[in-house]
């Protein structure tokens, strides 16, 4: 099969011969020559991402928060919108549509039927039903059958600050089925507790949670926010070889007196993009990601204040487009501290 020959070439050096640049498709009435898939024929140094997340017409959450930053970092990104809403659900009202598992699989089959189903990365965020999450697991298997080296970055969006905002049954699916196939996990403190089954009340607990999750599957774990005695921390962990102790670090994060939407989606996208560039230095990728995010949040807060808005009265939509220079070239102001 043509795709198989492409993948053999890809796995060796991610380059294609001139003969593979032409793709043919045929229907019942005519035949024609399709253009080459340039993201495959002329691949970048970054990769091609399939991002399965929510979508809002207005505002920046889910794919709206993740796709643009990844593109700025040089990735080809193909979004699948698990939901399409007018706006995020924090507004007084919202309307829209929810994709079900069969509809997701239809899209995957459409890509596969045209030999378009080759990705270097899969990114998933908010998923609202058990059936959809199980279909995502089928997508992981399908993508890895085409590219065994697929990197799966999973933000296990389940809740925050002790509040669960997905059905309870999703917790066990994430814990038993998703964690074992993920390459990188980016839970918050509450989600890490749900996945491990124990409370995180200290830095030591956070480090132990990372080790627990390594044993279940992923080589990279970043608990993106942990509140310890009123201080906000990121704790990261990279286990380069199974059975070996992971390299662990923390970043102290200044608190900003406001609530923003889409920050977790943005953070995970930045971690995907930057950890691919710094594959053996997760702490550097995390420093850059945190610095980008902090710059976006400070600009957002400043702009709302300039508009005369009380920043603590409602959640704030991040100023993503206005912050693109901070995404491309972040200035590192918050450094990581390695654990011994």
C-alpha atoms as a PDB file:
ATOM      1  CA  UNK A   1       0.000   0.000   0.000  1.00  0.00           C
ATOM      2  CA  UNK A   2       1.203   3.491  -0.783  1.00  0.00           C
ATOM      3  CA  UNK A   3       0.819   4.690   2.807  1.00  0.00           C
ATOM      4  CA  UNK A   4       2.943   1.816   4.077  1.00  0.00           C
ATOM      5  CA  UNK A   5       5.760   2.693   1.695  1.00  0.00           C
ATOM      6  CA  UNK A   6       5.540   6.298   2.838  1.00  0.00           C
ATOM      7  CA  UNK A   7       5.722   5.296   6.481  1.00  0.00           C
ATOM      8  CA  UNK A   8       8.770   3.104   5.956  1.00  0.00           C
ATOM      9  CA  UNK A   9      10.571   6.075   4.482  1.00  0.00           C
ATOM     10  CA  UNK A  10       9.269   8.347   7.220  1.00  0.00           C
ATOM     11  CA  UNK A  11      10.426   6.157  10.071  1.00  0.00           C
ATOM     12  CA  UNK A  12      13.971   6.101   8.743  1.00  0.00           C
ATOM     13  CA  UNK A  13      14.543   9.794   8.143  1.00  0.00           C
ATOM     14  CA  UNK A  14      11.169  11.556   7.872  1.00  0.00           C
ATOM     15  CA  UNK A  15      11.865  12.403   4.231  1.00  0.00           C
ATOM     16  CA  UNK A  16      10.163  11.164   1.085  1.00  0.00           C
ATOM     17  CA  UNK A  17      11.551  10.324  -2.336  1.00  0.00           C
ATOM     18  CA  UNK A  18      10.376  12.223  -5.408  1.00  0.00           C
ATOM     19  CA  UNK A  19       8.328   9.224  -6.513  1.00  0.00           C
ATOM     20  CA  UNK A  20       6.134   9.382  -3.404  1.00  0.00           C
ATOM     21  CA  UNK A  21       5.129  13.009  -3.932  1.00  0.00           C
ATOM     22  CA  UNK A  22       2.251  12.114  -6.245  1.00  0.00           C
ATOM     23  CA  UNK A  23      -0.993  10.694  -4.886  1.00  0.00           C
ATOM     24  CA  UNK A  24      -3.716   9.233  -7.093  1.00  0.00           C
ATOM     25  CA  UNK A  25      -7.388   8.956  -6.308  1.00  0.00           C
ATOM     26  CA  UNK A  26     -10.117   7.441  -8.461  1.00  0.00           C
ATOM     27  CA  UNK A  27     -13.918   7.675  -8.422  1.00  0.00           C
ATOM     28  CA  UNK A  28     -16.682   6.189 -10.541  1.00  0.00           C
ATOM     29  CA  UNK A  29     -16.602   8.862 -13.263  1.00  0.00           C
ATOM     30  CA  UNK A  30     -13.038  10.015 -13.681  1.00  0.00           C
ATOM     31  CA  UNK A  31      -9.507   9.799 -12.399  1.00  0.00           C
ATOM     32  CA  UNK A  32      -7.369  12.700 -11.402  1.00  0.00           C
ATOM     33  CA  UNK A  33      -4.067  13.498  -9.803  1.00  0.00           C
ATOM     34  CA  UNK A  34      -4.299  14.875  -6.280  1.00  0.00           C
ATOM     35  CA  UNK A  35      -1.719  17.377  -5.100  1.00  0.00           C
ATOM     36  CA  UNK A  36       1.002  16.093  -2.802  1.00  0.00           C
ATOM     37  CA  UNK A  37       0.398  16.331   0.930  1.00  0.00           C
ATOM     38  CA  UNK A  38       3.101  18.867   1.605  1.00  0.00           C
ATOM     39  CA  UNK A  39       3.174  18.349   5.358  1.00  0.00           C
ATOM     40  CA  UNK A  40       4.195  14.760   4.557  1.00  0.00           C
ATOM     41  CA  UNK A  41       6.221  15.256   1.391  1.00  0.00           C
ATOM     42  CA  UNK A  42       8.126  18.233   2.793  1.00  0.00           C
ATOM     43  CA  UNK A  43       7.909  17.723   6.553  1.00  0.00           C
ATOM     44  CA  UNK A  44       9.006  20.400   8.989  1.00  0.00           C
ATOM     45  CA  UNK A  45      11.451  19.904  11.826  1.00  0.00           C
ATOM     46  CA  UNK A  46       8.518  19.945  14.230  1.00  0.00           C
ATOM     47  CA  UNK A  47       5.687  17.681  13.155  1.00  0.00           C
ATOM     48  CA  UNK A  48       2.029  17.233  12.343  1.00  0.00           C
ATOM     49  CA  UNK A  49      -0.485  17.361  15.211  1.00  0.00           C
ATOM     50  CA  UNK A  50      -4.025  15.999  15.418  1.00  0.00           C
ATOM     51  CA  UNK A  51      -5.754  18.017  18.156  1.00  0.00           C
ATOM     52  CA  UNK A  52      -9.058  16.703  19.536  1.00  0.00           C
ATOM     53  CA  UNK A  53     -10.564  19.337  21.809  1.00  0.00           C
ATOM     54  CA  UNK A  54     -13.527  21.626  22.274  1.00  0.00           C
ATOM     55  CA  UNK A  55     -14.158  24.700  20.101  1.00  0.00           C
ATOM     56  CA  UNK A  56     -15.912  28.001  20.701  1.00  0.00           C
ATOM     57  CA  UNK A  57     -16.934  30.495  18.049  1.00  0.00           C
ATOM     58  CA  UNK A  58     -15.983  33.378  20.340  1.00  0.00           C
ATOM     59  CA  UNK A  59     -13.132  33.306  22.832  1.00  0.00           C
ATOM     60  CA  UNK A  60     -10.099  31.132  23.390  1.00  0.00           C
ATOM     61  CA  UNK A  61     -10.560  27.716  24.965  1.00  0.00           C
ATOM     62  CA  UNK A  62      -9.849  24.205  23.685  1.00  0.00           C
ATOM     63  CA  UNK A  63      -8.658  24.144  20.096  1.00  0.00           C
ATOM     64  CA  UNK A  64      -9.078  27.912  19.845  1.00  0.00           C
ATOM     65  CA  UNK A  65      -6.461  28.198  22.595  1.00  0.00           C
ATOM     66  CA  UNK A  66      -4.128  25.435  21.347  1.00  0.00           C
ATOM     67  CA  UNK A  67      -3.999  25.451  17.547  1.00  0.00           C
ATOM     68  CA  UNK A  68      -2.674  28.968  16.925  1.00  0.00           C
ATOM     69  CA  UNK A  69       0.223  28.694  19.422  1.00  0.00           C
ATOM     70  CA  UNK A  70       1.280  25.356  17.939  1.00  0.00           C
ATOM     71  CA  UNK A  71       1.206  26.880  14.465  1.00  0.00           C
ATOM     72  CA  UNK A  72       3.342  29.773  15.705  1.00  0.00           C
ATOM     73  CA  UNK A  73       5.821  27.179  16.971  1.00  0.00           C
ATOM     74  CA  UNK A  74       5.993  25.645  13.490  1.00  0.00           C
ATOM     75  CA  UNK A  75       3.541  22.745  13.605  1.00  0.00           C
ATOM     76  CA  UNK A  76       0.976  21.674  11.070  1.00  0.00           C
ATOM     77  CA  UNK A  77      -2.166  21.228  13.179  1.00  0.00           C
ATOM     78  CA  UNK A  78      -5.391  19.472  12.181  1.00  0.00           C
ATOM     79  CA  UNK A  79      -8.164  20.191  14.717  1.00  0.00           C
ATOM     80  CA  UNK A  80     -11.157  17.991  15.439  1.00  0.00           C
ATOM     81  CA  UNK A  81     -13.708  19.864  17.536  1.00  0.00           C
ATOM     82  CA  UNK A  82     -15.261  17.585  20.150  1.00  0.00           C
ATOM     83  CA  UNK A  83     -17.874  20.269  20.773  1.00  0.00           C
ATOM     84  CA  UNK A  84     -18.747  23.447  18.894  1.00  0.00           C
ATOM     85  CA  UNK A  85     -20.293  26.083  21.124  1.00  0.00           C
ATOM     86  CA  UNK A  86     -21.076  29.736  20.621  1.00  0.00           C
ATOM     87  CA  UNK A  87     -18.917  30.599  23.649  1.00  0.00           C
ATOM     88  CA  UNK A  88     -17.565  28.859  26.720  1.00  0.00           C
ATOM     89  CA  UNK A  89     -19.983  27.606  29.335  1.00  0.00           C
ATOM     90  CA  UNK A  90     -19.096  30.269  31.887  1.00  0.00           C
ATOM     91  CA  UNK A  91     -21.294  32.770  30.082  1.00  0.00           C
ATOM     92  CA  UNK A  92     -24.991  33.103  31.037  1.00  0.00           C
ATOM     93  CA  UNK A  93     -26.007  31.074  27.982  1.00  0.00           C
ATOM     94  CA  UNK A  94     -24.384  29.011  25.251  1.00  0.00           C
ATOM     95  CA  UNK A  95     -25.555  27.007  22.267  1.00  0.00           C
ATOM     96  CA  UNK A  96     -23.979  24.540  19.917  1.00  0.00           C
ATOM     97  CA  UNK A  97     -23.342  20.934  19.011  1.00  0.00           C
ATOM     98  CA  UNK A  98     -21.560  17.978  20.604  1.00  0.00           C
ATOM     99  CA  UNK A  99     -19.670  15.426  18.503  1.00  0.00           C
ATOM    100  CA  UNK A 100     -20.303  11.802  19.397  1.00  0.00           C
ATOM    101  CA  UNK A 101     -17.927   8.869  19.130  1.00  0.00           C
ATOM    102  CA  UNK A 102     -19.290   7.652  15.789  1.00  0.00           C
ATOM    103  CA  UNK A 103     -18.959  11.100  14.250  1.00  0.00           C
ATOM    104  CA  UNK A 104     -15.351  11.261  15.455  1.00  0.00           C
ATOM    105  CA  UNK A 105     -14.655   7.878  13.897  1.00  0.00           C
ATOM    106  CA  UNK A 106     -16.272   8.993  10.614  1.00  0.00           C
ATOM    107  CA  UNK A 107     -13.723  11.798  10.406  1.00  0.00           C
ATOM    108  CA  UNK A 108     -10.875   9.388  11.118  1.00  0.00           C
ATOM    109  CA  UNK A 109     -12.122   7.017   8.410  1.00  0.00           C
ATOM    110  CA  UNK A 110     -12.369   9.912   5.965  1.00  0.00           C
ATOM    111  CA  UNK A 111      -8.742  10.811   6.608  1.00  0.00           C
ATOM    112  CA  UNK A 112      -7.652   7.187   6.367  1.00  0.00           C
ATOM    113  CA  UNK A 113      -9.559   6.657   3.122  1.00  0.00           C
ATOM    114  CA  UNK A 114      -7.478   9.394   1.501  1.00  0.00           C
ATOM    115  CA  UNK A 115      -4.191   8.259   3.107  1.00  0.00           C
ATOM    116  CA  UNK A 116      -4.054  11.386   5.256  1.00  0.00           C
ATOM    117  CA  UNK A 117      -3.882   9.643   8.627  1.00  0.00           C
ATOM    118  CA  UNK A 118      -0.211  10.129   9.477  1.00  0.00           C
ATOM    119  CA  UNK A 119       0.599  12.257  12.536  1.00  0.00           C
ATOM    120  CA  UNK A 120       3.663  12.732  14.712  1.00  0.00           C
ATOM    121  CA  UNK A 121       1.589  14.003  17.669  1.00  0.00           C
ATOM    122  CA  UNK A 122      -1.886  13.578  19.112  1.00  0.00           C
ATOM    123  CA  UNK A 123      -3.209  16.177  21.569  1.00  0.00           C
ATOM    124  CA  UNK A 124      -6.402  15.749  23.581  1.00  0.00           C
ATOM    125  CA  UNK A 125      -8.120  18.052  26.058  1.00  0.00           C
ATOM    126  CA  UNK A 126     -11.683  18.261  27.366  1.00  0.00           C
ATOM    127  CA  UNK A 127     -13.787  15.186  26.574  1.00  0.00           C
ATOM    128  CA  UNK A 128     -17.285  15.044  27.995  1.00  0.00           C
ATOM    129  CA  UNK A 129     -18.468  11.449  27.622  1.00  0.00           C
ATOM    130  CA  UNK A 130     -17.182   7.933  28.200  1.00  0.00           C
ATOM    131  CA  UNK A 131     -18.130   6.776  24.690  1.00  0.00           C
ATOM    132  CA  UNK A 132     -16.197   9.628  23.085  1.00  0.00           C
ATOM    133  CA  UNK A 133     -13.151   8.951  25.260  1.00  0.00           C
ATOM    134  CA  UNK A 134     -13.223   5.268  24.314  1.00  0.00           C
ATOM    135  CA  UNK A 135     -13.305   6.280  20.653  1.00  0.00           C
ATOM    136  CA  UNK A 136     -10.272   8.511  21.283  1.00  0.00           C
ATOM    137  CA  UNK A 137      -8.482   5.389  22.538  1.00  0.00           C
ATOM    138  CA  UNK A 138      -9.311   3.703  19.228  1.00  0.00           C
ATOM    139  CA  UNK A 139      -7.870   6.752  17.457  1.00  0.00           C
ATOM    140  CA  UNK A 140      -4.630   6.383  19.449  1.00  0.00           C
ATOM    141  CA  UNK A 141      -4.368   2.750  18.356  1.00  0.00           C
ATOM    142  CA  UNK A 142      -5.108   3.621  14.733  1.00  0.00           C
ATOM    143  CA  UNK A 143      -2.548   6.434  14.640  1.00  0.00           C
ATOM    144  CA  UNK A 144       0.127   4.228  16.200  1.00  0.00           C
ATOM    145  CA  UNK A 145      -0.531   1.516  13.641  1.00  0.00           C
ATOM    146  CA  UNK A 146       0.582   4.094  11.060  1.00  0.00           C
ATOM    147  CA  UNK A 147       3.301   5.693  13.184  1.00  0.00           C
ATOM    148  CA  UNK A 148       4.549   3.651  16.151  1.00  0.00           C
ATOM    149  CA  UNK A 149       6.546   6.686  17.296  1.00  0.00           C
ATOM    150  CA  UNK A 150       3.433   8.840  17.760  1.00  0.00           C
ATOM    151  CA  UNK A 151       3.679  11.164  20.765  1.00  0.00           C
ATOM    152  CA  UNK A 152       0.368  11.347  22.629  1.00  0.00           C
ATOM    153  CA  UNK A 153       0.054  14.415  24.853  1.00  0.00           C
ATOM    154  CA  UNK A 154      -2.984  14.137  27.115  1.00  0.00           C
ATOM    155  CA  UNK A 155      -4.458  16.861  29.270  1.00  0.00           C
ATOM    156  CA  UNK A 156      -6.828  14.748  31.415  1.00  0.00           C
ATOM    157  CA  UNK A 157      -9.416  17.482  31.898  1.00  0.00           C
ATOM    158  CA  UNK A 158     -11.694  16.279  34.684  1.00  0.00           C
ATOM    159  CA  UNK A 159     -11.986  19.058  37.232  1.00  0.00           C
ATOM    160  CA  UNK A 160     -10.212  21.554  39.458  1.00  0.00           C
ATOM    161  CA  UNK A 161     -10.063  22.632  43.096  1.00  0.00           C
ATOM    162  CA  UNK A 162     -11.939  19.559  44.290  1.00  0.00           C
ATOM    163  CA  UNK A 163     -14.785  19.876  41.781  1.00  0.00           C
ATOM    164  CA  UNK A 164     -15.396  17.243  39.120  1.00  0.00           C
ATOM    165  CA  UNK A 165     -16.913  18.578  35.897  1.00  0.00           C
ATOM    166  CA  UNK A 166     -17.036  15.420  33.810  1.00  0.00           C
ATOM    167  CA  UNK A 167     -19.068  12.245  34.494  1.00  0.00           C
ATOM    168  CA  UNK A 168     -17.565  10.145  37.297  1.00  0.00           C
ATOM    169  CA  UNK A 169     -17.085   7.147  35.001  1.00  0.00           C
ATOM    170  CA  UNK A 170     -14.461   9.025  32.978  1.00  0.00           C
ATOM    171  CA  UNK A 171     -12.056   8.948  35.936  1.00  0.00           C
ATOM    172  CA  UNK A 172     -11.573   5.182  35.725  1.00  0.00           C
ATOM    173  CA  UNK A 173     -11.254   5.297  31.930  1.00  0.00           C
ATOM    174  CA  UNK A 174      -8.485   7.860  32.204  1.00  0.00           C
ATOM    175  CA  UNK A 175      -6.777   5.962  35.010  1.00  0.00           C
ATOM    176  CA  UNK A 176      -7.021   2.467  33.530  1.00  0.00           C
ATOM    177  CA  UNK A 177      -6.932   3.037  29.773  1.00  0.00           C
ATOM    178  CA  UNK A 178      -5.661   6.497  28.845  1.00  0.00           C
ATOM    179  CA  UNK A 179      -2.705   6.910  31.202  1.00  0.00           C
ATOM    180  CA  UNK A 180      -1.045   3.680  29.998  1.00  0.00           C
ATOM    181  CA  UNK A 181      -0.987   4.841  26.352  1.00  0.00           C
ATOM    182  CA  UNK A 182      -0.061   8.511  26.916  1.00  0.00           C
ATOM    183  CA  UNK A 183       3.439   9.811  26.251  1.00  0.00           C
ATOM    184  CA  UNK A 184       2.961  12.980  28.313  1.00  0.00           C
ATOM    185  CA  UNK A 185       0.351  13.878  30.939  1.00  0.00           C
ATOM    186  CA  UNK A 186      -0.430  17.433  32.060  1.00  0.00           C
ATOM    187  CA  UNK A 187      -2.904  17.171  34.972  1.00  0.00           C
ATOM    188  CA  UNK A 188      -3.559  19.857  37.547  1.00  0.00           C
ATOM    189  CA  UNK A 189      -3.338  18.988  41.242  1.00  0.00           C
ATOM    190  CA  UNK A 190      -6.915  17.697  41.556  1.00  0.00           C
ATOM    191  CA  UNK A 191      -6.646  15.629  38.363  1.00  0.00           C
ATOM    192  CA  UNK A 192      -3.339  14.111  39.520  1.00  0.00           C
ATOM    193  CA  UNK A 193      -5.076  13.119  42.759  1.00  0.00           C
ATOM    194  CA  UNK A 194      -7.911  11.489  40.810  1.00  0.00           C
ATOM    195  CA  UNK A 195      -5.446   9.549  38.650  1.00  0.00           C
ATOM    196  CA  UNK A 196      -3.268   8.338  41.520  1.00  0.00           C
ATOM    197  CA  UNK A 197      -5.877   7.912  44.234  1.00  0.00           C
ATOM    198  CA  UNK A 198      -4.003   9.853  46.910  1.00  0.00           C
ATOM    199  CA  UNK A 199      -3.923  13.434  48.209  1.00  0.00           C
ATOM    200  CA  UNK A 200      -1.171  15.820  47.163  1.00  0.00           C
ATOM    201  CA  UNK A 201      -0.413  18.041  50.136  1.00  0.00           C
ATOM    202  CA  UNK A 202       3.325  18.591  49.758  1.00  0.00           C
ATOM    203  CA  UNK A 203       6.056  18.744  47.134  1.00  0.00           C
ATOM    204  CA  UNK A 204       7.005  15.211  48.098  1.00  0.00           C
ATOM    205  CA  UNK A 205       3.462  14.072  47.383  1.00  0.00           C
ATOM    206  CA  UNK A 206       3.617  15.762  43.975  1.00  0.00           C
ATOM    207  CA  UNK A 207       6.877  14.026  43.119  1.00  0.00           C
ATOM    208  CA  UNK A 208       5.475  10.679  44.262  1.00  0.00           C
ATOM    209  CA  UNK A 209       2.377  11.224  42.107  1.00  0.00           C
ATOM    210  CA  UNK A 210       4.626  11.728  39.099  1.00  0.00           C
ATOM    211  CA  UNK A 211       6.507   8.507  39.854  1.00  0.00           C
ATOM    212  CA  UNK A 212       3.206   6.649  40.241  1.00  0.00           C
ATOM    213  CA  UNK A 213       2.053   7.900  36.825  1.00  0.00           C
ATOM    214  CA  UNK A 214       5.398   7.000  35.204  1.00  0.00           C
ATOM    215  CA  UNK A 215       4.932   3.432  36.395  1.00  0.00           C
ATOM    216  CA  UNK A 216       1.527   3.377  34.692  1.00  0.00           C
ATOM    217  CA  UNK A 217       2.812   4.556  31.305  1.00  0.00           C
ATOM    218  CA  UNK A 218       3.895   8.088  30.345  1.00  0.00           C
ATOM    219  CA  UNK A 219       7.567   9.048  30.353  1.00  0.00           C
ATOM    220  CA  UNK A 220       6.784  12.741  30.915  1.00  0.00           C
ATOM    221  CA  UNK A 221       4.452  14.095  33.590  1.00  0.00           C
ATOM    222  CA  UNK A 222       3.885  17.742  34.416  1.00  0.00           C
ATOM    223  CA  UNK A 223       1.503  18.664  37.227  1.00  0.00           C
ATOM    224  CA  UNK A 224       0.804  22.130  35.954  1.00  0.00           C
ATOM    225  CA  UNK A 225      -0.396  23.718  39.191  1.00  0.00           C
ATOM    226  CA  UNK A 226      -0.045  22.605  42.788  1.00  0.00           C
ATOM    227  CA  UNK A 227      -1.072  24.810  45.699  1.00  0.00           C
ATOM    228  CA  UNK A 228       1.223  24.138  48.652  1.00  0.00           C
ATOM    229  CA  UNK A 229       0.711  26.364  51.711  1.00  0.00           C
ATOM    230  CA  UNK A 230      -0.575  29.168  49.515  1.00  0.00           C
ATOM    231  CA  UNK A 231       2.300  28.891  47.029  1.00  0.00           C
ATOM    232  CA  UNK A 232       1.704  27.854  43.418  1.00  0.00           C
ATOM    233  CA  UNK A 233       4.109  25.346  41.891  1.00  0.00           C
ATOM    234  CA  UNK A 234       4.567  23.377  38.706  1.00  0.00           C
ATOM    235  CA  UNK A 235       6.199  19.997  39.255  1.00  0.00           C
ATOM    236  CA  UNK A 236       7.682  18.189  36.270  1.00  0.00           C
ATOM    237  CA  UNK A 237       9.149  14.721  35.903  1.00  0.00           C
ATOM    238  CA  UNK A 238      10.897  12.943  33.025  1.00  0.00           C
ATOM    239  CA  UNK A 239      11.649   9.248  33.190  1.00  0.00           C
ATOM    240  CA  UNK A 240      13.975   8.652  30.277  1.00  0.00           C
ATOM    241  CA  UNK A 241      14.240   4.872  30.803  1.00  0.00           C
ATOM    242  CA  UNK A 242      11.689   2.542  32.374  1.00  0.00           C
ATOM    243  CA  UNK A 243      12.786   1.424  35.797  1.00  0.00           C
ATOM    244  CA  UNK A 244      15.175   4.343  36.217  1.00  0.00           C
ATOM    245  CA  UNK A 245      14.537   7.225  38.640  1.00  0.00           C
ATOM    246  CA  UNK A 246      13.009  10.229  36.863  1.00  0.00           C
ATOM    247  CA  UNK A 247      14.593  13.646  36.555  1.00  0.00           C
ATOM    248  CA  UNK A 248      12.322  15.976  38.530  1.00  0.00           C
ATOM    249  CA  UNK A 249      12.042  19.736  38.946  1.00  0.00           C
ATOM    250  CA  UNK A 250       9.753  22.513  40.118  1.00  0.00           C
ATOM    251  CA  UNK A 251       8.927  26.038  39.012  1.00  0.00           C
ATOM    252  CA  UNK A 252       7.487  28.560  41.461  1.00  0.00           C
ATOM    253  CA  UNK A 253       4.691  30.484  39.728  1.00  0.00           C
ATOM    254  CA  UNK A 254       3.546  33.941  40.889  1.00  0.00           C
ATOM    255  CA  UNK A 255      -0.180  34.165  41.494  1.00  0.00           C
ATOM    256  CA  UNK A 256      -2.170  36.643  39.404  1.00  0.00           C
ATOM    257  CA  UNK A 257      -5.341  38.023  41.082  1.00  0.00           C
ATOM    258  CA  UNK A 258      -7.760  37.051  38.309  1.00  0.00           C
ATOM    259  CA  UNK A 259      -9.389  33.998  36.741  1.00  0.00           C
ATOM    260  CA  UNK A 260      -8.668  33.234  33.081  1.00  0.00           C
ATOM    261  CA  UNK A 261     -10.234  30.721  30.682  1.00  0.00           C
ATOM    262  CA  UNK A 262      -8.267  28.546  28.279  1.00  0.00           C
ATOM    263  CA  UNK A 263      -5.018  28.653  30.241  1.00  0.00           C
ATOM    264  CA  UNK A 264      -4.746  24.883  30.726  1.00  0.00           C
ATOM    265  CA  UNK A 265      -5.339  24.277  27.013  1.00  0.00           C
ATOM    266  CA  UNK A 266      -2.690  26.845  26.117  1.00  0.00           C
ATOM    267  CA  UNK A 267      -0.207  25.455  28.626  1.00  0.00           C
ATOM    268  CA  UNK A 268      -0.495  21.900  27.318  1.00  0.00           C
ATOM    269  CA  UNK A 269      -0.103  23.071  23.713  1.00  0.00           C
ATOM    270  CA  UNK A 270       3.029  25.015  24.647  1.00  0.00           C
ATOM    271  CA  UNK A 271       4.436  22.010  26.513  1.00  0.00           C
ATOM    272  CA  UNK A 272       3.835  19.788  23.487  1.00  0.00           C
ATOM    273  CA  UNK A 273       5.518  22.213  21.122  1.00  0.00           C
ATOM    274  CA  UNK A 274       8.478  23.049  23.315  1.00  0.00           C
ATOM    275  CA  UNK A 275       9.130  19.579  24.747  1.00  0.00           C
ATOM    276  CA  UNK A 276       9.451  18.290  21.192  1.00  0.00           C
ATOM    277  CA  UNK A 277      12.197  20.875  20.607  1.00  0.00           C
ATOM    278  CA  UNK A 278      13.906  20.140  23.933  1.00  0.00           C
ATOM    279  CA  UNK A 279      13.272  16.407  24.071  1.00  0.00           C
ATOM    280  CA  UNK A 280      15.898  15.655  26.702  1.00  0.00           C
ATOM    281  CA  UNK A 281      15.377  18.836  28.744  1.00  0.00           C
ATOM    282  CA  UNK A 282      11.784  18.939  29.917  1.00  0.00           C
ATOM    283  CA  UNK A 283      12.704  21.588  32.485  1.00  0.00           C
ATOM    284  CA  UNK A 284      13.754  24.021  29.721  1.00  0.00           C
ATOM    285  CA  UNK A 285      10.538  23.383  27.819  1.00  0.00           C
ATOM    286  CA  UNK A 286       8.553  24.005  31.009  1.00  0.00           C
ATOM    287  CA  UNK A 287      10.432  27.256  31.737  1.00  0.00           C
ATOM    288  CA  UNK A 288       9.610  28.547  28.262  1.00  0.00           C
ATOM    289  CA  UNK A 289       5.979  27.411  28.452  1.00  0.00           C
ATOM    290  CA  UNK A 290       5.411  29.010  31.861  1.00  0.00           C
ATOM    291  CA  UNK A 291       7.094  32.218  30.707  1.00  0.00           C
ATOM    292  CA  UNK A 292       4.890  32.394  27.609  1.00  0.00           C
ATOM    293  CA  UNK A 293       1.761  31.766  29.626  1.00  0.00           C
ATOM    294  CA  UNK A 294       2.652  34.363  32.247  1.00  0.00           C
ATOM    295  CA  UNK A 295       3.251  36.960  29.524  1.00  0.00           C
ATOM    296  CA  UNK A 296      -0.134  36.191  27.950  1.00  0.00           C
ATOM    297  CA  UNK A 297      -1.888  36.515  31.307  1.00  0.00           C
ATOM    298  CA  UNK A 298      -0.201  39.786  32.236  1.00  0.00           C
ATOM    299  CA  UNK A 299      -1.098  41.294  28.867  1.00  0.00           C
ATOM    300  CA  UNK A 300      -4.673  40.067  29.240  1.00  0.00           C
ATOM    301  CA  UNK A 301      -4.998  41.563  32.703  1.00  0.00           C
ATOM    302  CA  UNK A 302      -3.494  44.874  31.584  1.00  0.00           C
ATOM    303  CA  UNK A 303      -5.814  45.142  28.588  1.00  0.00           C
ATOM    304  CA  UNK A 304      -8.940  44.446  30.647  1.00  0.00           C
ATOM    305  CA  UNK A 305      -7.883  47.084  33.158  1.00  0.00           C
ATOM    306  CA  UNK A 306      -7.279  49.554  30.314  1.00  0.00           C
ATOM    307  CA  UNK A 307     -10.831  48.882  29.141  1.00  0.00           C
ATOM    308  CA  UNK A 308     -12.126  49.733  32.619  1.00  0.00           C
ATOM    309  CA  UNK A 309     -13.175  46.171  33.498  1.00  0.00           C
ATOM    310  CA  UNK A 310     -13.011  44.808  37.038  1.00  0.00           C
ATOM    311  CA  UNK A 311     -10.721  41.849  36.483  1.00  0.00           C
ATOM    312  CA  UNK A 312     -12.055  39.975  39.512  1.00  0.00           C
ATOM    313  CA  UNK A 313     -15.737  40.224  38.599  1.00  0.00           C
ATOM    314  CA  UNK A 314     -15.703  37.638  35.777  1.00  0.00           C
ATOM    315  CA  UNK A 315     -13.381  35.180  34.044  1.00  0.00           C
ATOM    316  CA  UNK A 316     -11.154  36.777  31.415  1.00  0.00           C
ATOM    317  CA  UNK A 317     -10.677  35.705  27.787  1.00  0.00           C
ATOM    318  CA  UNK A 318      -6.945  35.487  27.081  1.00  0.00           C
ATOM    319  CA  UNK A 319      -5.343  37.902  24.599  1.00  0.00           C
ATOM    320  CA  UNK A 320      -3.811  35.207  22.435  1.00  0.00           C
ATOM    321  CA  UNK A 321      -3.376  37.021  19.120  1.00  0.00           C
ATOM    322  CA  UNK A 322      -1.881  40.072  20.798  1.00  0.00           C
ATOM    323  CA  UNK A 323       0.685  37.851  22.572  1.00  0.00           C
ATOM    324  CA  UNK A 324       2.082  35.956  19.618  1.00  0.00           C
ATOM    325  CA  UNK A 325       5.616  37.365  20.029  1.00  0.00           C
ATOM    326  CA  UNK A 326       5.642  35.998  23.589  1.00  0.00           C
ATOM    327  CA  UNK A 327       4.723  32.577  22.208  1.00  0.00           C
ATOM    328  CA  UNK A 328       7.345  32.591  19.463  1.00  0.00           C
ATOM    329  CA  UNK A 329      10.145  34.041  21.590  1.00  0.00           C
ATOM    330  CA  UNK A 330       9.374  33.908  25.303  1.00  0.00           C
ATOM    331  CA  UNK A 331      11.661  35.691  27.732  1.00  0.00           C
ATOM    332  CA  UNK A 332      12.430  33.248  30.539  1.00  0.00           C
ATOM    333  CA  UNK A 333      11.883  34.962  33.879  1.00  0.00           C
ATOM    334  CA  UNK A 334      10.896  31.945  35.964  1.00  0.00           C
ATOM    335  CA  UNK A 335      13.591  29.303  36.295  1.00  0.00           C
ATOM    336  CA  UNK A 336      13.259  25.665  37.219  1.00  0.00           C
ATOM    337  CA  UNK A 337      14.828  24.172  40.310  1.00  0.00           C
ATOM    338  CA  UNK A 338      15.988  20.591  40.034  1.00  0.00           C
ATOM    339  CA  UNK A 339      15.280  18.100  42.787  1.00  0.00           C
ATOM    340  CA  UNK A 340      18.247  16.082  43.949  1.00  0.00           C
END
